[in-house]
Amino acid sequence: MFKKVLGLISLAVLMIIAGCSSSESSSEGKASSEGKNNVEVEELKIGVPSDVGPLNIYTGNMDWLTDLVYDKLFSPSPYVDEPQPWLAESAEQLDDTTWRVKIRSGIKWHDGEDFTAEDVKFTYEYYRDGPPNRHTHHVSEVPKVDTIEILDDGETLEFKCAYACPSMATITFADLPILPKTYLGKC
């Protein structure tokens, strides 16, 4: 999941560099790049107008950069009325206070570990119960998520709110970056 995003960014950067290079290029360079579908780089550097420090999901000051690292259950888009499923396969509101979310299978974290419903449960409980940050109000205030349960299939979660929560898919699921439990759960 994240390698694909990094690959696309790398490809875009290389295309920009290629467009800015001189028109005189060796035929060897052209031949060696033909037929390649993916571009992998060891390190990607992105220029920003000022030093923002480390990427920190708690500050919210660099959401556009953290979005390159952490995905959400739904992906917002300015071109559609409803956010599109991203890490989630689907979300359904069962009643005024209950939502059921099915996560996608086959997704891996940067370190190769599988993305699981445990990661989603951990993330939402961490935002709700952990130190206050830019995302906590989406699970501890509006709406207030009381319980998150992983259902028997291991790929479906049920979210129960303290009161009616009609905006879970359009706001909460589309705004909270999912964190890896296997890494952060050890802290």
N, C-alpha and C. Protein backbone atom coordinates (compact mmCIF):
# COMPACT_ATOMS: atom_id res chain seq x y z
N MET A 1 0.83 -1.17 0.00
CA MET A 1 0.00 0.00 0.00
C MET A 1 0.88 1.24 0.00
N PHE A 2 1.81 1.31 0.93
CA PHE A 2 2.64 2.49 1.05
C PHE A 2 3.74 2.50 -0.01
N LYS A 3 4.22 1.31 -0.41
CA LYS A 3 5.22 1.25 -1.47
C LYS A 3 4.64 1.77 -2.77
N LYS A 4 3.36 1.49 -3.01
CA LYS A 4 2.71 1.95 -4.24
C LYS A 4 2.67 3.48 -4.26
N VAL A 5 2.31 4.09 -3.12
CA VAL A 5 2.26 5.55 -3.04
C VAL A 5 3.66 6.13 -3.24
N LEU A 6 4.65 5.52 -2.55
CA LEU A 6 6.03 5.99 -2.69
C LEU A 6 6.51 5.83 -4.12
N GLY A 7 6.13 4.73 -4.76
CA GLY A 7 6.51 4.51 -6.16
C GLY A 7 5.92 5.56 -7.08
N LEU A 8 4.65 5.92 -6.84
CA LEU A 8 4.00 6.94 -7.67
C LEU A 8 4.64 8.31 -7.47
N ILE A 9 4.96 8.63 -6.22
CA ILE A 9 5.62 9.92 -5.94
C ILE A 9 7.00 9.94 -6.60
N SER A 10 7.72 8.84 -6.47
CA SER A 10 9.05 8.76 -7.08
C SER A 10 8.96 8.93 -8.58
N LEU A 11 7.98 8.29 -9.19
CA LEU A 11 7.80 8.40 -10.63
C LEU A 11 7.50 9.84 -11.02
N ALA A 12 6.65 10.51 -10.25
CA ALA A 12 6.32 11.91 -10.55
C ALA A 12 7.56 12.79 -10.45
N VAL A 13 8.37 12.57 -9.41
CA VAL A 13 9.61 13.36 -9.24
C VAL A 13 10.55 13.10 -10.41
N LEU A 14 10.70 11.85 -10.80
CA LEU A 14 11.58 11.53 -11.92
C LEU A 14 11.08 12.14 -13.23
N MET A 15 9.76 12.16 -13.41
CA MET A 15 9.20 12.77 -14.62
C MET A 15 9.48 14.27 -14.64
N ILE A 16 9.38 14.92 -13.49
CA ILE A 16 9.67 16.35 -13.42
C ILE A 16 11.14 16.60 -13.73
N ILE A 17 12.01 15.78 -13.14
CA ILE A 17 13.45 15.94 -13.39
C ILE A 17 13.75 15.70 -14.86
N ALA A 18 13.14 14.67 -15.44
CA ALA A 18 13.36 14.38 -16.86
C ALA A 18 12.88 15.52 -17.73
N GLY A 19 11.78 16.13 -17.37
CA GLY A 19 11.24 17.25 -18.13
C GLY A 19 12.12 18.49 -18.04
N CYS A 20 12.86 18.61 -16.94
CA CYS A 20 13.72 19.78 -16.74
C CYS A 20 15.13 19.56 -17.27
N SER A 21 15.48 18.34 -17.64
CA SER A 21 16.84 18.07 -18.11
C SER A 21 16.99 18.54 -19.55
N SER A 22 18.22 18.57 -20.00
CA SER A 22 18.48 19.03 -21.36
C SER A 22 17.90 18.06 -22.37
N SER A 23 17.66 18.52 -23.58
CA SER A 23 17.09 17.67 -24.62
C SER A 23 18.11 16.68 -25.15
N GLU A 24 19.39 16.89 -24.85
CA GLU A 24 20.42 15.96 -25.28
C GLU A 24 20.55 14.86 -24.23
N SER A 25 20.04 13.69 -24.55
CA SER A 25 20.21 12.56 -23.64
C SER A 25 20.77 11.40 -24.43
N SER A 26 21.50 10.58 -23.76
CA SER A 26 22.13 9.46 -24.45
C SER A 26 21.11 8.39 -24.79
N SER A 27 21.36 7.70 -25.87
CA SER A 27 20.47 6.61 -26.26
C SER A 27 20.57 5.48 -25.23
N GLU A 28 21.71 5.38 -24.54
CA GLU A 28 21.87 4.36 -23.51
C GLU A 28 20.89 4.60 -22.37
N GLY A 29 20.73 5.85 -21.96
CA GLY A 29 19.80 6.20 -20.88
C GLY A 29 18.36 5.88 -21.26
N LYS A 30 18.02 6.13 -22.53
CA LYS A 30 16.66 5.85 -22.99
C LYS A 30 16.42 4.35 -23.01
N ALA A 31 17.37 3.61 -23.49
CA ALA A 31 17.20 2.16 -23.62
C ALA A 31 17.08 1.50 -22.26
N SER A 32 17.84 1.99 -21.27
CA SER A 32 17.81 1.35 -19.97
C SER A 32 16.51 1.61 -19.22
N SER A 33 15.79 2.67 -19.55
CA SER A 33 14.55 2.96 -18.83
C SER A 33 13.33 2.36 -19.52
N GLU A 34 13.49 1.87 -20.75
CA GLU A 34 12.35 1.30 -21.47
C GLU A 34 11.91 -0.01 -20.81
N GLY A 35 10.61 -0.21 -20.75
CA GLY A 35 10.07 -1.46 -20.24
C GLY A 35 9.94 -1.53 -18.73
N LYS A 36 10.36 -0.52 -18.01
CA LYS A 36 10.24 -0.54 -16.56
C LYS A 36 8.88 0.00 -16.16
N ASN A 37 8.21 -0.73 -15.26
CA ASN A 37 6.91 -0.29 -14.78
C ASN A 37 6.99 0.42 -13.44
N ASN A 38 7.96 0.05 -12.63
CA ASN A 38 8.08 0.62 -11.29
C ASN A 38 9.44 1.27 -11.13
N VAL A 39 9.46 2.32 -10.32
CA VAL A 39 10.71 2.98 -10.00
C VAL A 39 10.87 2.91 -8.49
N GLU A 40 11.98 2.40 -8.03
CA GLU A 40 12.25 2.34 -6.60
C GLU A 40 13.46 3.20 -6.30
N VAL A 41 13.37 3.94 -5.22
CA VAL A 41 14.47 4.78 -4.78
C VAL A 41 14.77 4.46 -3.33
N GLU A 42 16.00 4.66 -2.92
CA GLU A 42 16.39 4.42 -1.54
C GLU A 42 15.83 5.49 -0.61
N GLU A 43 15.81 6.73 -1.08
CA GLU A 43 15.41 7.84 -0.23
C GLU A 43 14.69 8.88 -1.08
N LEU A 44 13.62 9.42 -0.53
CA LEU A 44 12.87 10.47 -1.22
C LEU A 44 12.96 11.73 -0.38
N LYS A 45 13.40 12.80 -0.99
CA LYS A 45 13.48 14.09 -0.30
C LYS A 45 12.45 15.01 -0.92
N ILE A 46 11.68 15.67 -0.06
CA ILE A 46 10.65 16.60 -0.52
C ILE A 46 10.99 17.98 0.03
N GLY A 47 11.08 18.95 -0.86
CA GLY A 47 11.39 20.31 -0.45
C GLY A 47 10.14 21.01 0.09
N VAL A 48 10.25 21.61 1.26
CA VAL A 48 9.16 22.39 1.85
C VAL A 48 9.71 23.76 2.20
N PRO A 49 8.83 24.76 2.28
CA PRO A 49 9.31 26.13 2.48
C PRO A 49 10.04 26.38 3.80
N SER A 50 9.79 25.57 4.82
CA SER A 50 10.49 25.77 6.09
C SER A 50 10.60 24.43 6.80
N ASP A 51 11.48 24.36 7.78
CA ASP A 51 11.66 23.12 8.53
C ASP A 51 10.45 22.90 9.42
N VAL A 52 9.78 21.79 9.21
CA VAL A 52 8.58 21.49 10.00
C VAL A 52 8.88 20.48 11.08
N GLY A 53 10.12 20.04 11.19
CA GLY A 53 10.46 19.03 12.18
C GLY A 53 10.01 17.66 11.71
N PRO A 54 10.00 16.70 12.62
CA PRO A 54 9.59 15.35 12.22
C PRO A 54 8.10 15.29 11.91
N LEU A 55 7.70 14.34 11.04
CA LEU A 55 6.28 14.16 10.75
C LEU A 55 5.61 13.69 12.04
N ASN A 56 4.60 14.41 12.45
CA ASN A 56 3.96 14.12 13.73
C ASN A 56 2.45 14.20 13.55
N ILE A 57 1.77 13.07 13.70
CA ILE A 57 0.33 13.07 13.53
C ILE A 57 -0.39 13.86 14.61
N TYR A 58 0.30 14.21 15.68
CA TYR A 58 -0.34 14.94 16.77
C TYR A 58 -0.49 16.42 16.50
N THR A 59 0.36 16.99 15.68
CA THR A 59 0.30 18.43 15.48
C THR A 59 -0.69 18.84 14.40
N GLY A 60 -0.83 18.04 13.36
CA GLY A 60 -1.74 18.39 12.28
C GLY A 60 -1.22 19.49 11.38
N ASN A 61 0.00 19.98 11.63
CA ASN A 61 0.51 21.07 10.83
C ASN A 61 1.03 20.62 9.47
N MET A 62 1.22 19.32 9.30
CA MET A 62 1.73 18.81 8.03
C MET A 62 0.88 17.64 7.54
N ASP A 63 -0.43 17.78 7.60
CA ASP A 63 -1.33 16.69 7.20
C ASP A 63 -1.03 16.21 5.79
N TRP A 64 -0.68 17.10 4.89
CA TRP A 64 -0.43 16.69 3.51
C TRP A 64 0.78 15.77 3.42
N LEU A 65 1.75 15.91 4.32
CA LEU A 65 2.90 15.01 4.33
C LEU A 65 2.59 13.72 5.08
N THR A 66 1.92 13.82 6.22
CA THR A 66 1.60 12.59 6.96
C THR A 66 0.64 11.72 6.16
N ASP A 67 -0.16 12.33 5.29
CA ASP A 67 -1.06 11.54 4.43
C ASP A 67 -0.28 10.66 3.45
N LEU A 68 0.98 10.99 3.21
CA LEU A 68 1.82 10.15 2.35
C LEU A 68 2.30 8.90 3.08
N VAL A 69 2.22 8.91 4.42
CA VAL A 69 2.71 7.80 5.22
C VAL A 69 1.57 6.98 5.82
N TYR A 70 0.56 7.68 6.35
CA TYR A 70 -0.55 7.00 7.03
C TYR A 70 -1.83 7.13 6.22
N ASP A 71 -2.46 6.00 5.94
CA ASP A 71 -3.73 6.00 5.22
C ASP A 71 -4.90 6.00 6.20
N LYS A 72 -6.08 6.24 5.66
CA LYS A 72 -7.31 6.31 6.45
C LYS A 72 -8.28 5.25 5.97
N LEU A 73 -9.34 5.00 6.73
CA LEU A 73 -10.33 4.01 6.32
C LEU A 73 -11.03 4.45 5.04
N PHE A 74 -11.28 5.75 4.91
CA PHE A 74 -11.90 6.30 3.71
C PHE A 74 -11.01 7.43 3.20
N SER A 75 -11.07 7.65 1.91
CA SER A 75 -10.25 8.69 1.31
C SER A 75 -11.15 9.84 0.86
N PRO A 76 -10.98 11.00 1.45
CA PRO A 76 -11.80 12.14 1.03
C PRO A 76 -11.40 12.59 -0.37
N SER A 77 -12.35 13.17 -1.07
CA SER A 77 -12.08 13.71 -2.39
C SER A 77 -12.96 14.92 -2.62
N PRO A 78 -12.41 15.98 -3.21
CA PRO A 78 -13.23 17.16 -3.50
C PRO A 78 -14.18 16.93 -4.68
N TYR A 79 -14.04 15.78 -5.36
CA TYR A 79 -14.82 15.55 -6.58
C TYR A 79 -16.03 14.64 -6.38
N VAL A 80 -16.22 14.14 -5.17
CA VAL A 80 -17.35 13.26 -4.90
C VAL A 80 -18.08 13.72 -3.64
N ASP A 81 -19.36 13.37 -3.56
CA ASP A 81 -20.15 13.75 -2.39
C ASP A 81 -19.77 12.93 -1.16
N GLU A 82 -19.42 11.70 -1.37
CA GLU A 82 -19.07 10.80 -0.27
C GLU A 82 -17.62 10.37 -0.39
N PRO A 83 -16.92 10.22 0.75
CA PRO A 83 -15.56 9.70 0.67
C PRO A 83 -15.57 8.26 0.14
N GLN A 84 -14.47 7.88 -0.46
CA GLN A 84 -14.35 6.57 -1.07
C GLN A 84 -13.64 5.60 -0.13
N PRO A 85 -14.06 4.32 -0.12
CA PRO A 85 -13.37 3.33 0.71
C PRO A 85 -11.88 3.29 0.34
N TRP A 86 -11.04 3.20 1.36
CA TRP A 86 -9.60 3.16 1.14
C TRP A 86 -9.03 1.95 1.86
N LEU A 87 -8.68 2.08 3.15
CA LEU A 87 -8.29 0.90 3.92
C LEU A 87 -9.51 0.06 4.28
N ALA A 88 -10.66 0.69 4.29
CA ALA A 88 -11.91 -0.03 4.52
C ALA A 88 -12.47 -0.47 3.17
N GLU A 89 -13.06 -1.63 3.17
CA GLU A 89 -13.75 -2.10 1.98
C GLU A 89 -15.15 -1.49 1.92
N SER A 90 -15.74 -1.34 3.12
CA SER A 90 -17.09 -0.77 3.21
C SER A 90 -17.37 -0.32 4.64
N ALA A 91 -18.37 0.53 4.78
CA ALA A 91 -18.88 0.94 6.10
C ALA A 91 -20.38 1.07 5.98
N GLU A 92 -21.06 0.59 6.99
CA GLU A 92 -22.52 0.60 6.97
C GLU A 92 -23.04 1.05 8.33
N GLN A 93 -23.97 1.99 8.31
CA GLN A 93 -24.58 2.41 9.56
C GLN A 93 -25.75 1.47 9.85
N LEU A 94 -25.67 0.74 10.97
CA LEU A 94 -26.69 -0.25 11.31
C LEU A 94 -27.90 0.38 12.00
N ASP A 95 -27.64 1.37 12.85
CA ASP A 95 -28.69 2.15 13.51
C ASP A 95 -28.09 3.50 13.85
N ASP A 96 -28.79 4.29 14.62
CA ASP A 96 -28.31 5.66 14.91
C ASP A 96 -26.92 5.70 15.55
N THR A 97 -26.59 4.67 16.33
CA THR A 97 -25.35 4.71 17.10
C THR A 97 -24.33 3.64 16.73
N THR A 98 -24.61 2.82 15.73
CA THR A 98 -23.73 1.68 15.43
C THR A 98 -23.31 1.68 13.96
N TRP A 99 -22.01 1.49 13.75
CA TRP A 99 -21.44 1.35 12.40
C TRP A 99 -20.66 0.05 12.31
N ARG A 100 -20.72 -0.57 11.16
CA ARG A 100 -19.95 -1.78 10.89
C ARG A 100 -19.01 -1.47 9.72
N VAL A 101 -17.71 -1.77 9.92
CA VAL A 101 -16.68 -1.48 8.92
C VAL A 101 -15.95 -2.78 8.58
N LYS A 102 -15.85 -3.06 7.30
CA LYS A 102 -15.07 -4.20 6.82
C LYS A 102 -13.77 -3.65 6.22
N ILE A 103 -12.65 -4.16 6.72
CA ILE A 103 -11.36 -3.67 6.21
C ILE A 103 -10.91 -4.50 5.01
N ARG A 104 -10.03 -3.91 4.22
CA ARG A 104 -9.46 -4.60 3.05
C ARG A 104 -8.44 -5.63 3.52
N SER A 105 -8.38 -6.72 2.82
CA SER A 105 -7.35 -7.72 3.11
C SER A 105 -6.23 -7.55 2.09
N GLY A 106 -5.07 -8.12 2.42
CA GLY A 106 -3.94 -8.08 1.50
C GLY A 106 -3.11 -6.82 1.56
N ILE A 107 -3.36 -5.96 2.54
CA ILE A 107 -2.60 -4.71 2.66
C ILE A 107 -1.48 -4.92 3.67
N LYS A 108 -0.32 -4.34 3.39
CA LYS A 108 0.83 -4.48 4.28
C LYS A 108 1.35 -3.11 4.70
N TRP A 109 1.95 -3.07 5.88
CA TRP A 109 2.61 -1.86 6.37
C TRP A 109 3.98 -1.74 5.70
N HIS A 110 4.64 -0.62 5.95
CA HIS A 110 5.97 -0.38 5.39
C HIS A 110 6.95 -1.50 5.73
N ASP A 111 6.81 -2.08 6.91
CA ASP A 111 7.76 -3.11 7.35
C ASP A 111 7.37 -4.51 6.89
N GLY A 112 6.31 -4.62 6.09
CA GLY A 112 5.89 -5.91 5.57
C GLY A 112 4.85 -6.62 6.42
N GLU A 113 4.54 -6.09 7.61
CA GLU A 113 3.52 -6.69 8.47
C GLU A 113 2.14 -6.48 7.84
N ASP A 114 1.23 -7.41 8.08
CA ASP A 114 -0.13 -7.30 7.56
C ASP A 114 -0.90 -6.20 8.28
N PHE A 115 -1.70 -5.46 7.54
CA PHE A 115 -2.66 -4.51 8.10
C PHE A 115 -3.87 -5.33 8.58
N THR A 116 -4.32 -5.10 9.83
CA THR A 116 -5.40 -5.90 10.40
C THR A 116 -6.45 -5.01 11.08
N ALA A 117 -7.54 -5.65 11.44
CA ALA A 117 -8.59 -4.96 12.21
C ALA A 117 -8.05 -4.55 13.58
N GLU A 118 -7.06 -5.29 14.09
CA GLU A 118 -6.42 -4.92 15.36
C GLU A 118 -5.77 -3.55 15.26
N ASP A 119 -5.19 -3.23 14.10
CA ASP A 119 -4.58 -1.91 13.90
C ASP A 119 -5.64 -0.82 13.99
N VAL A 120 -6.80 -1.05 13.39
CA VAL A 120 -7.89 -0.06 13.40
C VAL A 120 -8.41 0.12 14.83
N LYS A 121 -8.67 -0.98 15.51
CA LYS A 121 -9.16 -0.92 16.90
C LYS A 121 -8.15 -0.18 17.77
N PHE A 122 -6.88 -0.57 17.66
CA PHE A 122 -5.82 0.09 18.44
C PHE A 122 -5.80 1.59 18.17
N THR A 123 -5.86 1.97 16.89
CA THR A 123 -5.79 3.38 16.51
C THR A 123 -6.92 4.18 17.12
N TYR A 124 -8.14 3.72 16.95
CA TYR A 124 -9.29 4.48 17.45
C TYR A 124 -9.30 4.54 18.97
N GLU A 125 -8.90 3.48 19.65
CA GLU A 125 -8.82 3.50 21.11
C GLU A 125 -7.67 4.40 21.57
N TYR A 126 -6.58 4.41 20.83
CA TYR A 126 -5.44 5.26 21.17
C TYR A 126 -5.82 6.73 21.04
N TYR A 127 -6.50 7.08 19.95
CA TYR A 127 -6.95 8.46 19.80
C TYR A 127 -7.96 8.83 20.88
N ARG A 128 -8.83 7.91 21.24
CA ARG A 128 -9.86 8.18 22.24
C ARG A 128 -9.29 8.26 23.65
N ASP A 129 -8.41 7.32 24.02
CA ASP A 129 -7.95 7.19 25.40
C ASP A 129 -6.56 7.75 25.65
N GLY A 130 -5.79 7.98 24.60
CA GLY A 130 -4.41 8.41 24.75
C GLY A 130 -4.28 9.91 24.94
N PRO A 131 -3.07 10.41 24.76
CA PRO A 131 -2.84 11.85 24.91
C PRO A 131 -3.64 12.65 23.88
N PRO A 132 -4.21 13.77 24.27
CA PRO A 132 -4.99 14.58 23.33
C PRO A 132 -4.14 15.01 22.13
N ASN A 133 -4.76 14.99 20.97
CA ASN A 133 -4.07 15.42 19.76
C ASN A 133 -5.10 15.95 18.77
N ARG A 134 -4.69 16.24 17.60
CA ARG A 134 -5.54 16.82 16.58
C ARG A 134 -6.71 15.92 16.19
N HIS A 135 -6.62 14.61 16.43
CA HIS A 135 -7.64 13.66 16.01
C HIS A 135 -8.59 13.21 17.12
N THR A 136 -8.27 13.46 18.39
CA THR A 136 -9.04 12.89 19.50
C THR A 136 -10.50 13.30 19.51
N HIS A 137 -10.81 14.51 19.08
CA HIS A 137 -12.21 14.96 19.14
C HIS A 137 -13.13 14.12 18.26
N HIS A 138 -12.60 13.43 17.26
CA HIS A 138 -13.41 12.60 16.37
C HIS A 138 -13.85 11.28 17.00
N VAL A 139 -13.27 10.92 18.12
CA VAL A 139 -13.66 9.67 18.78
C VAL A 139 -14.03 9.86 20.24
N SER A 140 -13.72 11.00 20.82
CA SER A 140 -14.01 11.21 22.23
C SER A 140 -15.06 12.31 22.47
N GLU A 141 -15.40 13.07 21.44
CA GLU A 141 -16.38 14.15 21.61
C GLU A 141 -17.48 14.07 20.56
N VAL A 142 -17.13 14.35 19.31
CA VAL A 142 -18.12 14.36 18.23
C VAL A 142 -17.64 13.48 17.10
N PRO A 143 -18.05 12.26 17.02
CA PRO A 143 -18.89 11.52 17.96
C PRO A 143 -18.07 10.97 19.11
N LYS A 144 -18.73 10.45 20.10
CA LYS A 144 -18.06 9.78 21.21
C LYS A 144 -18.21 8.28 20.97
N VAL A 145 -17.10 7.64 20.60
CA VAL A 145 -17.11 6.21 20.32
C VAL A 145 -16.90 5.47 21.65
N ASP A 146 -17.94 4.75 22.08
CA ASP A 146 -17.85 4.02 23.35
C ASP A 146 -17.10 2.71 23.22
N THR A 147 -17.47 1.89 22.22
CA THR A 147 -16.83 0.59 22.07
C THR A 147 -16.47 0.32 20.62
N ILE A 148 -15.39 -0.45 20.46
CA ILE A 148 -14.95 -0.92 19.14
C ILE A 148 -14.70 -2.40 19.32
N GLU A 149 -15.44 -3.20 18.58
CA GLU A 149 -15.34 -4.64 18.71
C GLU A 149 -14.97 -5.26 17.36
N ILE A 150 -14.02 -6.19 17.39
CA ILE A 150 -13.67 -6.94 16.19
C ILE A 150 -14.59 -8.15 16.15
N LEU A 151 -15.31 -8.32 15.06
CA LEU A 151 -16.26 -9.42 14.94
C LEU A 151 -15.56 -10.72 14.57
N ASP A 152 -16.31 -11.80 14.54
CA ASP A 152 -15.76 -13.15 14.38
C ASP A 152 -14.90 -13.36 13.15
N ASP A 153 -15.20 -12.69 12.03
CA ASP A 153 -14.41 -12.93 10.82
C ASP A 153 -13.02 -12.30 10.88
N GLY A 154 -12.77 -11.46 11.88
CA GLY A 154 -11.45 -10.84 12.05
C GLY A 154 -11.16 -9.70 11.10
N GLU A 155 -12.07 -9.42 10.16
CA GLU A 155 -11.87 -8.32 9.21
C GLU A 155 -12.99 -7.27 9.31
N THR A 156 -13.88 -7.44 10.27
CA THR A 156 -14.99 -6.52 10.43
C THR A 156 -14.99 -5.97 11.85
N LEU A 157 -15.22 -4.67 11.95
CA LEU A 157 -15.29 -4.02 13.26
C LEU A 157 -16.67 -3.39 13.44
N GLU A 158 -17.09 -3.32 14.69
CA GLU A 158 -18.34 -2.64 15.00
C GLU A 158 -18.03 -1.50 15.97
N PHE A 159 -18.42 -0.30 15.58
CA PHE A 159 -18.23 0.90 16.38
C PHE A 159 -19.56 1.29 16.99
N LYS A 160 -19.60 1.47 18.31
CA LYS A 160 -20.83 1.91 18.98
C LYS A 160 -20.56 3.26 19.63
N CYS A 161 -21.43 4.21 19.33
CA CYS A 161 -21.27 5.58 19.83
C CYS A 161 -22.22 5.83 21.01
N ALA A 162 -21.91 6.83 21.80
CA ALA A 162 -22.73 7.19 22.95
C ALA A 162 -24.04 7.83 22.52
N TYR A 163 -24.08 8.41 21.34
CA TYR A 163 -25.27 9.06 20.80
C TYR A 163 -25.21 8.97 19.28
N ALA A 164 -26.24 9.42 18.61
CA ALA A 164 -26.31 9.32 17.15
C ALA A 164 -25.02 9.85 16.50
N CYS A 165 -24.52 9.08 15.53
CA CYS A 165 -23.25 9.44 14.88
C CYS A 165 -23.35 9.25 13.37
N PRO A 166 -24.15 10.09 12.69
CA PRO A 166 -24.34 9.92 11.25
C PRO A 166 -23.13 10.29 10.39
N SER A 167 -22.18 11.01 10.95
CA SER A 167 -21.05 11.50 10.14
C SER A 167 -19.80 10.66 10.27
N MET A 168 -19.90 9.45 10.78
CA MET A 168 -18.69 8.61 10.95
C MET A 168 -17.97 8.38 9.61
N ALA A 169 -18.69 8.02 8.56
CA ALA A 169 -18.03 7.72 7.28
C ALA A 169 -17.47 8.98 6.63
N THR A 170 -18.24 10.06 6.66
CA THR A 170 -17.81 11.26 5.95
C THR A 170 -16.75 12.06 6.69
N ILE A 171 -16.69 11.94 8.00
CA ILE A 171 -15.71 12.73 8.75
C ILE A 171 -14.71 11.84 9.48
N THR A 172 -15.18 11.08 10.45
CA THR A 172 -14.27 10.31 11.30
C THR A 172 -13.46 9.29 10.52
N PHE A 173 -14.10 8.42 9.75
CA PHE A 173 -13.37 7.39 9.00
C PHE A 173 -12.49 7.99 7.91
N ALA A 174 -12.81 9.19 7.45
CA ALA A 174 -12.04 9.83 6.38
C ALA A 174 -10.96 10.78 6.92
N ASP A 175 -10.85 10.90 8.25
CA ASP A 175 -9.88 11.86 8.79
C ASP A 175 -8.81 11.25 9.68
N LEU A 176 -9.08 10.13 10.32
CA LEU A 176 -8.11 9.57 11.27
C LEU A 176 -7.10 8.65 10.58
N PRO A 177 -5.82 9.01 10.62
CA PRO A 177 -4.79 8.14 10.04
C PRO A 177 -4.65 6.88 10.90
N ILE A 178 -4.61 5.72 10.25
CA ILE A 178 -4.50 4.45 10.96
C ILE A 178 -3.03 4.19 11.31
N LEU A 179 -2.81 3.76 12.54
CA LEU A 179 -1.47 3.52 13.07
C LEU A 179 -1.22 2.02 13.19
N PRO A 180 0.03 1.59 13.05
CA PRO A 180 0.34 0.15 13.18
C PRO A 180 0.44 -0.27 14.64
N LYS A 181 -0.44 -1.15 15.07
CA LYS A 181 -0.42 -1.64 16.46
C LYS A 181 0.88 -2.36 16.75
N THR A 182 1.38 -3.14 15.80
CA THR A 182 2.58 -3.95 16.05
C THR A 182 3.79 -3.08 16.41
N TYR A 183 3.79 -1.85 15.92
CA TYR A 183 4.92 -0.96 16.21
C TYR A 183 4.59 -0.04 17.39
N LEU A 184 3.49 0.67 17.30
CA LEU A 184 3.17 1.66 18.33
C LEU A 184 2.56 1.04 19.58
N GLY A 185 1.98 -0.14 19.48
CA GLY A 185 1.38 -0.78 20.62
C GLY A 185 2.40 -1.21 21.66
N LYS A 186 3.68 -1.19 21.31
CA LYS A 186 4.76 -1.58 22.23
C LYS A 186 5.20 -0.42 23.10
N CYS A 187 4.80 0.80 22.73
CA CYS A 187 5.25 1.99 23.46
C CYS A 187 4.59 2.09 24.82
